């Protein structure tokens, strides 16, 4: 997959596209309790974004400097190194 971020600039001010890595940053999440028009509660995600990464090869740098950022991402969190070990355990289940 590719994560695409576009700076909040007029199209004529965008400098180009940068293929980047994701910055080492995180959100400090907070939630505001609000009411919808029917007086039902809902929660709006807010918070503060903390970017501790000063690299010039990151998505945050690209956006801050007028570029569209493209970041190739993946979702496989599997600890592949643990699979052989877990396959050797006796789980006591037949089948």
PDB file of N, CA and C in Angstrom:
ATOM      1  N   UNK A   1       0.835  -1.166   0.000  1.00  0.00           N
ATOM      2  CA  UNK A   1       0.000   0.000   0.000  1.00  0.00           C
ATOM      3  C   UNK A   1       0.887   1.238   0.000  1.00  0.00           C
ATOM      4  N   UNK A   2       0.304   2.332  -0.390  1.00  0.00           N
ATOM      5  CA  UNK A   2       1.034   3.603  -0.385  1.00  0.00           C
ATOM      6  C   UNK A   2       0.202   4.631   0.373  1.00  0.00           C
ATOM      7  N   UNK A   3       0.824   5.243   1.364  1.00  0.00           N
ATOM      8  CA  UNK A   3       0.194   6.329   2.103  1.00  0.00           C
ATOM      9  C   UNK A   3       0.546   7.626   1.382  1.00  0.00           C
ATOM     10  N   UNK A   4      -0.475   8.384   1.013  1.00  0.00           N
ATOM     11  CA  UNK A   4      -0.277   9.636   0.277  1.00  0.00           C
ATOM     12  C   UNK A   4      -0.742  10.790   1.158  1.00  0.00           C
ATOM     13  N   UNK A   5       0.106  11.803   1.305  1.00  0.00           N
ATOM     14  CA  UNK A   5      -0.253  13.017   2.036  1.00  0.00           C
ATOM     15  C   UNK A   5       0.007  14.211   1.128  1.00  0.00           C
ATOM     16  N   UNK A   6      -0.956  15.127   1.120  1.00  0.00           N
ATOM     17  CA  UNK A   6      -0.868  16.307   0.259  1.00  0.00           C
ATOM     18  C   UNK A   6      -0.841  17.539   1.145  1.00  0.00           C
ATOM     19  N   UNK A   7       0.136  18.411   0.954  1.00  0.00           N
ATOM     20  CA  UNK A   7       0.198  19.613   1.805  1.00  0.00           C
ATOM     21  C   UNK A   7      -0.994  20.526   1.550  1.00  0.00           C
ATOM     22  N   UNK A   8      -1.391  21.249   2.569  1.00  0.00           N
ATOM     23  CA  UNK A   8      -2.519  22.176   2.479  1.00  0.00           C
ATOM     24  C   UNK A   8      -2.039  23.474   1.834  1.00  0.00           C
ATOM     25  N   UNK A   9      -1.846  23.393   0.520  1.00  0.00           N
ATOM     26  CA  UNK A   9      -1.343  24.520  -0.262  1.00  0.00           C
ATOM     27  C   UNK A   9      -2.128  24.620  -1.567  1.00  0.00           C
ATOM     28  N   UNK A  10      -2.162  25.789  -2.180  1.00  0.00           N
ATOM     29  CA  UNK A  10      -2.726  25.862  -3.528  1.00  0.00           C
ATOM     30  C   UNK A  10      -1.895  24.969  -4.462  1.00  0.00           C
ATOM     31  N   UNK A  11      -2.545  24.370  -5.440  1.00  0.00           N
ATOM     32  CA  UNK A  11      -1.855  23.438  -6.336  1.00  0.00           C
ATOM     33  C   UNK A  11      -0.608  24.057  -6.961  1.00  0.00           C
ATOM     34  N   UNK A  12      -0.666  25.334  -7.270  1.00  0.00           N
ATOM     35  CA  UNK A  12       0.474  25.998  -7.912  1.00  0.00           C
ATOM     36  C   UNK A  12       1.690  26.118  -6.986  1.00  0.00           C
ATOM     37  N   UNK A  13       1.490  25.945  -5.684  1.00  0.00           N
ATOM     38  CA  UNK A  13       2.584  26.068  -4.715  1.00  0.00           C
ATOM     39  C   UNK A  13       3.216  24.723  -4.362  1.00  0.00           C
ATOM     40  N   UNK A  14       2.605  23.605  -4.793  1.00  0.00           N
ATOM     41  CA  UNK A  14       3.161  22.292  -4.504  1.00  0.00           C
ATOM     42  C   UNK A  14       4.399  22.083  -5.370  1.00  0.00           C
ATOM     43  N   UNK A  15       5.503  21.723  -4.726  1.00  0.00           N
ATOM     44  CA  UNK A  15       6.803  21.631  -5.403  1.00  0.00           C
ATOM     45  C   UNK A  15       7.000  20.329  -6.177  1.00  0.00           C
ATOM     46  N   UNK A  16       6.268  19.288  -5.803  1.00  0.00           N
ATOM     47  CA  UNK A  16       6.443  18.001  -6.461  1.00  0.00           C
ATOM     48  C   UNK A  16       6.083  16.875  -5.530  1.00  0.00           C
ATOM     49  N   UNK A  17       6.627  15.690  -5.815  1.00  0.00           N
ATOM     50  CA  UNK A  17       6.339  14.480  -5.057  1.00  0.00           C
ATOM     51  C   UNK A  17       7.646  13.931  -4.503  1.00  0.00           C
ATOM     52  N   UNK A  18       7.629  13.502  -3.245  1.00  0.00           N
ATOM     53  CA  UNK A  18       8.783  12.859  -2.613  1.00  0.00           C
ATOM     54  C   UNK A  18       8.357  11.473  -2.118  1.00  0.00           C
ATOM     55  N   UNK A  19       9.126  10.458  -2.481  1.00  0.00           N
ATOM     56  CA  UNK A  19       8.952   9.130  -1.902  1.00  0.00           C
ATOM     57  C   UNK A  19       9.755   9.125  -0.610  1.00  0.00           C
ATOM     58  N   UNK A  20       9.103   8.800   0.493  1.00  0.00           N
ATOM     59  CA  UNK A  20       9.685   9.006   1.818  1.00  0.00           C
ATOM     60  C   UNK A  20       9.519   7.786   2.703  1.00  0.00           C
ATOM     61  N   UNK A  21      10.147   7.899   3.866  1.00  0.00           N
ATOM     62  CA  UNK A  21       9.864   6.968   4.951  1.00  0.00           C
ATOM     63  C   UNK A  21       8.935   7.683   5.933  1.00  0.00           C
ATOM     64  N   UNK A  22       8.248   6.900   6.741  1.00  0.00           N
ATOM     65  CA  UNK A  22       7.378   7.476   7.756  1.00  0.00           C
ATOM     66  C   UNK A  22       8.235   8.058   8.871  1.00  0.00           C
ATOM     67  N   UNK A  23       7.923   9.257   9.300  1.00  0.00           N
ATOM     68  CA  UNK A  23       8.664   9.895  10.394  1.00  0.00           C
ATOM     69  C   UNK A  23       8.437   9.139  11.697  1.00  0.00           C
ATOM     70  N   UNK A  24       9.438   9.148  12.552  1.00  0.00           N
ATOM     71  CA  UNK A  24       9.305   8.573  13.897  1.00  0.00           C
ATOM     72  C   UNK A  24       8.576   9.603  14.755  1.00  0.00           C
ATOM     73  N   UNK A  25       7.271   9.497  14.748  1.00  0.00           N
ATOM     74  CA  UNK A  25       6.423  10.469  15.430  1.00  0.00           C
ATOM     75  C   UNK A  25       5.208   9.737  15.990  1.00  0.00           C
ATOM     76  N   UNK A  26       4.469  10.401  16.855  1.00  0.00           N
ATOM     77  CA  UNK A  26       3.263   9.771  17.395  1.00  0.00           C
ATOM     78  C   UNK A  26       2.278  10.828  17.871  1.00  0.00           C
ATOM     79  N   UNK A  27       1.050  10.397  17.974  1.00  0.00           N
ATOM     80  CA  UNK A  27      -0.023  11.245  18.491  1.00  0.00           C
ATOM     81  C   UNK A  27      -0.190  10.999  19.981  1.00  0.00           C
ATOM     82  N   UNK A  28      -0.366  12.067  20.721  1.00  0.00           N
ATOM     83  CA  UNK A  28      -0.842  11.981  22.104  1.00  0.00           C
ATOM     84  C   UNK A  28      -2.341  12.192  22.005  1.00  0.00           C
ATOM     85  N   UNK A  29      -3.084  11.088  22.040  1.00  0.00           N
ATOM     86  CA  UNK A  29      -4.517  11.144  21.767  1.00  0.00           C
ATOM     87  C   UNK A  29      -5.314  11.655  22.951  1.00  0.00           C
ATOM     88  N   UNK A  30      -6.310  12.460  22.622  1.00  0.00           N
ATOM     89  CA  UNK A  30      -7.304  12.925  23.583  1.00  0.00           C
ATOM     90  C   UNK A  30      -8.648  12.825  22.884  1.00  0.00           C
ATOM     91  N   UNK A  31      -9.716  12.741  23.658  1.00  0.00           N
ATOM     92  CA  UNK A  31     -11.044  12.629  23.078  1.00  0.00           C
ATOM     93  C   UNK A  31     -11.954  13.679  23.692  1.00  0.00           C
ATOM     94  N   UNK A  32     -12.623  14.439  22.822  1.00  0.00           N
ATOM     95  CA  UNK A  32     -13.608  15.417  23.268  1.00  0.00           C
ATOM     96  C   UNK A  32     -14.986  14.782  23.205  1.00  0.00           C
ATOM     97  N   UNK A  33     -15.722  14.848  24.304  1.00  0.00           N
ATOM     98  CA  UNK A  33     -17.102  14.368  24.296  1.00  0.00           C
ATOM     99  C   UNK A  33     -17.980  15.463  23.694  1.00  0.00           C
ATOM    100  N   UNK A  34     -18.788  15.106  22.724  1.00  0.00           N
ATOM    101  CA  UNK A  34     -19.646  16.067  22.039  1.00  0.00           C
ATOM    102  C   UNK A  34     -21.049  15.491  21.899  1.00  0.00           C
ATOM    103  N   UNK A  35     -21.978  16.342  21.453  1.00  0.00           N
ATOM    104  CA  UNK A  35     -23.350  15.912  21.193  1.00  0.00           C
ATOM    105  C   UNK A  35     -23.678  16.130  19.729  1.00  0.00           C
ATOM    106  N   UNK A  36     -24.326  15.135  19.117  1.00  0.00           N
ATOM    107  CA  UNK A  36     -24.764  15.299  17.734  1.00  0.00           C
ATOM    108  C   UNK A  36     -26.082  16.080  17.722  1.00  0.00           C
ATOM    109  N   UNK A  37     -26.628  16.412  16.554  1.00  0.00           N
ATOM    110  CA  UNK A  37     -27.876  17.193  16.499  1.00  0.00           C
ATOM    111  C   UNK A  37     -29.056  16.530  17.213  1.00  0.00           C
ATOM    112  N   UNK A  38     -28.990  15.207  17.423  1.00  0.00           N
ATOM    113  CA  UNK A  38     -30.060  14.496  18.132  1.00  0.00           C
ATOM    114  C   UNK A  38     -29.745  14.312  19.618  1.00  0.00           C
ATOM    115  N   UNK A  39     -28.760  15.051  20.103  1.00  0.00           N
ATOM    116  CA  UNK A  39     -28.360  15.047  21.511  1.00  0.00           C
ATOM    117  C   UNK A  39     -27.755  13.718  21.962  1.00  0.00           C
ATOM    118  N   UNK A  40     -27.191  12.950  21.021  1.00  0.00           N
ATOM    119  CA  UNK A  40     -26.497  11.715  21.365  1.00  0.00           C
ATOM    120  C   UNK A  40     -25.014  12.015  21.517  1.00  0.00           C
ATOM    121  N   UNK A  41     -24.410  11.387  22.512  1.00  0.00           N
ATOM    122  CA  UNK A  41     -22.983  11.594  22.752  1.00  0.00           C
ATOM    123  C   UNK A  41     -22.155  10.914  21.669  1.00  0.00           C
ATOM    124  N   UNK A  42     -21.067  11.567  21.324  1.00  0.00           N
ATOM    125  CA  UNK A  42     -20.034  10.938  20.503  1.00  0.00           C
ATOM    126  C   UNK A  42     -18.702  11.538  20.922  1.00  0.00           C
ATOM    127  N   UNK A  43     -17.616  10.904  20.490  1.00  0.00           N
ATOM    128  CA  UNK A  43     -16.288  11.341  20.901  1.00  0.00           C
ATOM    129  C   UNK A  43     -15.460  11.684  19.677  1.00  0.00           C
ATOM    130  N   UNK A  44     -14.836  12.856  19.714  1.00  0.00           N
ATOM    131  CA  UNK A  44     -14.030  13.357  18.607  1.00  0.00           C
ATOM    132  C   UNK A  44     -12.556  13.228  18.992  1.00  0.00           C
ATOM    133  N   UNK A  45     -11.803  12.526  18.155  1.00  0.00           N
ATOM    134  CA  UNK A  45     -10.383  12.332  18.423  1.00  0.00           C
ATOM    135  C   UNK A  45      -9.633  13.642  18.189  1.00  0.00           C
ATOM    136  N   UNK A  46      -8.905  14.071  19.203  1.00  0.00           N
ATOM    137  CA  UNK A  46      -8.061  15.258  19.103  1.00  0.00           C
ATOM    138  C   UNK A  46      -6.701  14.874  19.669  1.00  0.00           C
ATOM    139  N   UNK A  47      -5.884  15.825  19.915  1.00  0.00           N
ATOM    140  CA  UNK A  47      -4.603  15.544  20.545  1.00  0.00           C
ATOM    141  C   UNK A  47      -3.494  16.356  19.935  1.00  0.00           C
ATOM    142  N   UNK A  48      -2.290  15.953  20.276  1.00  0.00           N
ATOM    143  CA  UNK A  48      -1.103  16.671  19.843  1.00  0.00           C
ATOM    144  C   UNK A  48      -0.188  15.707  19.089  1.00  0.00           C
ATOM    145  N   UNK A  49       0.319  16.157  17.952  1.00  0.00           N
ATOM    146  CA  UNK A  49       1.226  15.353  17.152  1.00  0.00           C
ATOM    147  C   UNK A  49       2.651  15.734  17.505  1.00  0.00           C
ATOM    148  N   UNK A  50       3.426  14.752  17.931  1.00  0.00           N
ATOM    149  CA  UNK A  50       4.818  14.993  18.308  1.00  0.00           C
ATOM    150  C   UNK A  50       5.746  14.326  17.306  1.00  0.00           C
ATOM    151  N   UNK A  51       6.454  15.142  16.552  1.00  0.00           N
ATOM    152  CA  UNK A  51       7.423  14.631  15.585  1.00  0.00           C
ATOM    153  C   UNK A  51       8.821  14.820  16.164  1.00  0.00           C
ATOM    154  N   UNK A  52       9.467  13.711  16.488  1.00  0.00           N
ATOM    155  CA  UNK A  52      10.815  13.762  17.051  1.00  0.00           C
ATOM    156  C   UNK A  52      11.872  13.465  15.993  1.00  0.00           C
ATOM    157  N   UNK A  53      11.441  13.312  14.765  1.00  0.00           N
ATOM    158  CA  UNK A  53      12.319  12.892  13.667  1.00  0.00           C
ATOM    159  C   UNK A  53      12.705  14.121  12.843  1.00  0.00           C
ATOM    160  N   UNK A  54      13.955  14.423  12.789  1.00  0.00           N
ATOM    161  CA  UNK A  54      14.420  15.608  12.055  1.00  0.00           C
ATOM    162  C   UNK A  54      14.977  15.271  10.676  1.00  0.00           C
ATOM    163  N   UNK A  55      14.774  14.028  10.230  1.00  0.00           N
ATOM    164  CA  UNK A  55      15.285  13.605   8.930  1.00  0.00           C
ATOM    165  C   UNK A  55      14.631  14.343   7.770  1.00  0.00           C
ATOM    166  N   UNK A  56      15.397  14.560   6.723  1.00  0.00           N
ATOM    167  CA  UNK A  56      14.870  15.223   5.531  1.00  0.00           C
ATOM    168  C   UNK A  56      14.391  14.218   4.487  1.00  0.00           C
ATOM    169  N   UNK A  57      14.224  12.974   4.924  1.00  0.00           N
ATOM    170  CA  UNK A  57      13.716  11.925   4.038  1.00  0.00           C
ATOM    171  C   UNK A  57      12.379  11.384   4.543  1.00  0.00           C
ATOM    172  N   UNK A  58      11.672  12.194   5.363  1.00  0.00           N
ATOM    173  CA  UNK A  58      10.420  11.738   5.972  1.00  0.00           C
ATOM    174  C   UNK A  58       9.205  12.407   5.343  1.00  0.00           C
ATOM    175  N   UNK A  59       8.052  11.789   5.584  1.00  0.00           N
ATOM    176  CA  UNK A  59       6.799  12.353   5.119  1.00  0.00           C
ATOM    177  C   UNK A  59       6.529  13.717   5.761  1.00  0.00           C
ATOM    178  N   UNK A  60       6.855  13.854   7.021  1.00  0.00           N
ATOM    179  CA  UNK A  60       6.626  15.134   7.700  1.00  0.00           C
ATOM    180  C   UNK A  60       7.482  16.253   7.113  1.00  0.00           C
ATOM    181  N   UNK A  61       8.721  15.942   6.793  1.00  0.00           N
ATOM    182  CA  UNK A  61       9.594  16.946   6.173  1.00  0.00           C
ATOM    183  C   UNK A  61       9.046  17.340   4.803  1.00  0.00           C
ATOM    184  N   UNK A  62       8.638  16.347   4.030  1.00  0.00           N
ATOM    185  CA  UNK A  62       8.112  16.626   2.694  1.00  0.00           C
ATOM    186  C   UNK A  62       6.906  17.560   2.767  1.00  0.00           C
ATOM    187  N   UNK A  63       5.952  17.248   3.632  1.00  0.00           N
ATOM    188  CA  UNK A  63       4.761  18.089   3.766  1.00  0.00           C
ATOM    189  C   UNK A  63       5.106  19.502   4.214  1.00  0.00           C
ATOM    190  N   UNK A  64       5.989  19.608   5.207  1.00  0.00           N
ATOM    191  CA  UNK A  64       6.372  20.917   5.740  1.00  0.00           C
ATOM    192  C   UNK A  64       7.108  21.757   4.701  1.00  0.00           C
ATOM    193  N   UNK A  65       7.662  21.091   3.675  1.00  0.00           N
ATOM    194  CA  UNK A  65       8.435  21.800   2.665  1.00  0.00           C
ATOM    195  C   UNK A  65       7.743  21.851   1.303  1.00  0.00           C
ATOM    196  N   UNK A  66       6.433  21.631   1.305  1.00  0.00           N
ATOM    197  CA  UNK A  66       5.642  21.845   0.100  1.00  0.00           C
ATOM    198  C   UNK A  66       5.576  20.701  -0.886  1.00  0.00           C
ATOM    199  N   UNK A  67       5.890  19.478  -0.451  1.00  0.00           N
ATOM    200  CA  UNK A  67       5.852  18.309  -1.333  1.00  0.00           C
ATOM    201  C   UNK A  67       4.716  17.367  -0.948  1.00  0.00           C
ATOM    202  N   UNK A  68       4.203  16.663  -1.923  1.00  0.00           N
ATOM    203  CA  UNK A  68       3.329  15.528  -1.674  1.00  0.00           C
ATOM    204  C   UNK A  68       4.232  14.387  -1.219  1.00  0.00           C
ATOM    205  N   UNK A  69       3.824  13.676  -0.169  1.00  0.00           N
ATOM    206  CA  UNK A  69       4.646  12.548   0.300  1.00  0.00           C
ATOM    207  C   UNK A  69       3.988  11.223  -0.078  1.00  0.00           C
ATOM    208  N   UNK A  70       4.820  10.297  -0.538  1.00  0.00           N
ATOM    209  CA  UNK A  70       4.392   8.922  -0.805  1.00  0.00           C
ATOM    210  C   UNK A  70       5.225   8.017   0.083  1.00  0.00           C
ATOM    211  N   UNK A  71       4.541   7.222   0.920  1.00  0.00           N
ATOM    212  CA  UNK A  71       5.233   6.321   1.835  1.00  0.00           C
ATOM    213  C   UNK A  71       4.721   4.898   1.602  1.00  0.00           C
ATOM    214  N   UNK A  72       5.586   4.001   1.116  1.00  0.00           N
ATOM    215  CA  UNK A  72       5.158   2.607   0.999  1.00  0.00           C
ATOM    216  C   UNK A  72       5.034   2.003   2.402  1.00  0.00           C
ATOM    217  N   UNK A  73       3.890   1.368   2.672  1.00  0.00           N
ATOM    218  CA  UNK A  73       3.648   0.803   4.005  1.00  0.00           C
ATOM    219  C   UNK A  73       3.243  -0.658   3.885  1.00  0.00           C
ATOM    220  N   UNK A  74       3.419  -1.377   5.007  1.00  0.00           N
ATOM    221  CA  UNK A  74       2.999  -2.768   5.074  1.00  0.00           C
ATOM    222  C   UNK A  74       2.396  -3.048   6.435  1.00  0.00           C
ATOM    223  N   UNK A  75       1.662  -4.149   6.537  1.00  0.00           N
ATOM    224  CA  UNK A  75       0.924  -4.436   7.769  1.00  0.00           C
ATOM    225  C   UNK A  75       1.305  -5.747   8.433  1.00  0.00           C
ATOM    226  N   UNK A  76       2.311  -6.431   7.987  1.00  0.00           N
ATOM    227  CA  UNK A  76       2.638  -7.738   8.544  1.00  0.00           C
ATOM    228  C   UNK A  76       3.444  -7.579   9.832  1.00  0.00           C
ATOM    229  N   UNK A  77       2.774  -7.773  10.972  1.00  0.00           N
ATOM    230  CA  UNK A  77       3.436  -7.685  12.275  1.00  0.00           C
ATOM    231  C   UNK A  77       3.890  -9.055  12.778  1.00  0.00           C
ATOM    232  N   UNK A  78       3.808 -10.060  11.934  1.00  0.00           N
ATOM    233  CA  UNK A  78       4.156 -11.423  12.339  1.00  0.00           C
ATOM    234  C   UNK A  78       5.609 -11.499  12.793  1.00  0.00           C
ATOM    235  N   UNK A  79       5.829 -12.134  13.939  1.00  0.00           N
ATOM    236  CA  UNK A  79       7.186 -12.388  14.429  1.00  0.00           C
ATOM    237  C   UNK A  79       7.646 -13.697  13.781  1.00  0.00           C
ATOM    238  N   UNK A  80       8.075 -13.617  12.547  1.00  0.00           N
ATOM    239  CA  UNK A  80       8.433 -14.806  11.764  1.00  0.00           C
ATOM    240  C   UNK A  80       9.487 -15.670  12.455  1.00  0.00           C
ATOM    241  N   UNK A  81      10.381 -15.070  13.189  1.00  0.00           N
ATOM    242  CA  UNK A  81      11.426 -15.827  13.878  1.00  0.00           C
ATOM    243  C   UNK A  81      10.856 -16.760  14.949  1.00  0.00           C
ATOM    244  N   UNK A  82       9.646 -16.496  15.447  1.00  0.00           N
ATOM    245  CA  UNK A  82       9.046 -17.298  16.513  1.00  0.00           C
ATOM    246  C   UNK A  82       8.256 -18.496  15.985  1.00  0.00           C
ATOM    247  N   UNK A  83       7.936 -18.531  14.715  1.00  0.00           N
ATOM    248  CA  UNK A  83       7.111 -19.604  14.167  1.00  0.00           C
ATOM    249  C   UNK A  83       7.738 -20.978  14.348  1.00  0.00           C
ATOM    250  N   UNK A  84       9.016 -21.195  14.006  1.00  0.00           N
ATOM    251  CA  UNK A  84       9.591 -22.539  14.208  1.00  0.00           C
ATOM    252  C   UNK A  84       9.545 -22.982  15.672  1.00  0.00           C
ATOM    253  N   UNK A  85       9.835 -22.099  16.591  1.00  0.00           N
ATOM    254  CA  UNK A  85       9.789 -22.431  18.019  1.00  0.00           C
ATOM    255  C   UNK A  85       8.381 -22.844  18.424  1.00  0.00           C
ATOM    256  N   UNK A  86       7.379 -22.067  18.038  1.00  0.00           N
ATOM    257  CA  UNK A  86       5.995 -22.368  18.421  1.00  0.00           C
ATOM    258  C   UNK A  86       5.508 -23.664  17.774  1.00  0.00           C
ATOM    259  N   UNK A  87       5.998 -23.973  16.590  1.00  0.00           N
ATOM    260  CA  UNK A  87       5.615 -25.227  15.923  1.00  0.00           C
ATOM    261  C   UNK A  87       6.183 -26.451  16.625  1.00  0.00           C
ATOM    262  N   UNK A  88       7.216 -26.304  17.426  1.00  0.00           N
ATOM    263  CA  UNK A  88       7.820 -27.422  18.138  1.00  0.00           C
ATOM    264  C   UNK A  88       7.160 -27.693  19.490  1.00  0.00           C
ATOM    265  N   UNK A  89       6.338 -26.812  19.996  1.00  0.00           N
ATOM    266  CA  UNK A  89       5.707 -27.002  21.305  1.00  0.00           C
ATOM    267  C   UNK A  89       4.612 -28.064  21.252  1.00  0.00           C
ATOM    268  N   UNK A  90       4.448 -28.748  22.357  1.00  0.00           N
ATOM    269  CA  UNK A  90       3.375 -29.736  22.487  1.00  0.00           C
ATOM    270  C   UNK A  90       2.194 -29.054  23.157  1.00  0.00           C
ATOM    271  N   UNK A  91       1.136 -28.856  22.422  1.00  0.00           N
ATOM    272  CA  UNK A  91      -0.039 -28.161  22.935  1.00  0.00           C
ATOM    273  C   UNK A  91      -1.036 -29.122  23.582  1.00  0.00           C
ATOM    274  N   UNK A  92      -0.746 -30.424  23.521  1.00  0.00           N
ATOM    275  CA  UNK A  92      -1.628 -31.392  24.175  1.00  0.00           C
ATOM    276  C   UNK A  92      -2.967 -31.565  23.506  1.00  0.00           C
ATOM    277  N   UNK A  93      -3.068 -31.188  22.267  1.00  0.00           N
ATOM    278  CA  UNK A  93      -4.333 -31.293  21.523  1.00  0.00           C
ATOM    279  C   UNK A  93      -4.093 -32.225  20.353  1.00  0.00           C
ATOM    280  N   UNK A  94      -4.930 -33.217  20.229  1.00  0.00           N
ATOM    281  CA  UNK A  94      -4.822 -34.161  19.109  1.00  0.00           C
ATOM    282  C   UNK A  94      -5.598 -33.616  17.920  1.00  0.00           C
ATOM    283  N   UNK A  95      -5.113 -33.856  16.753  1.00  0.00           N
ATOM    284  CA  UNK A  95      -5.889 -33.482  15.574  1.00  0.00           C
ATOM    285  C   UNK A  95      -5.088 -32.888  14.580  1.00  0.00           C
TER     286      UNK A  95
END
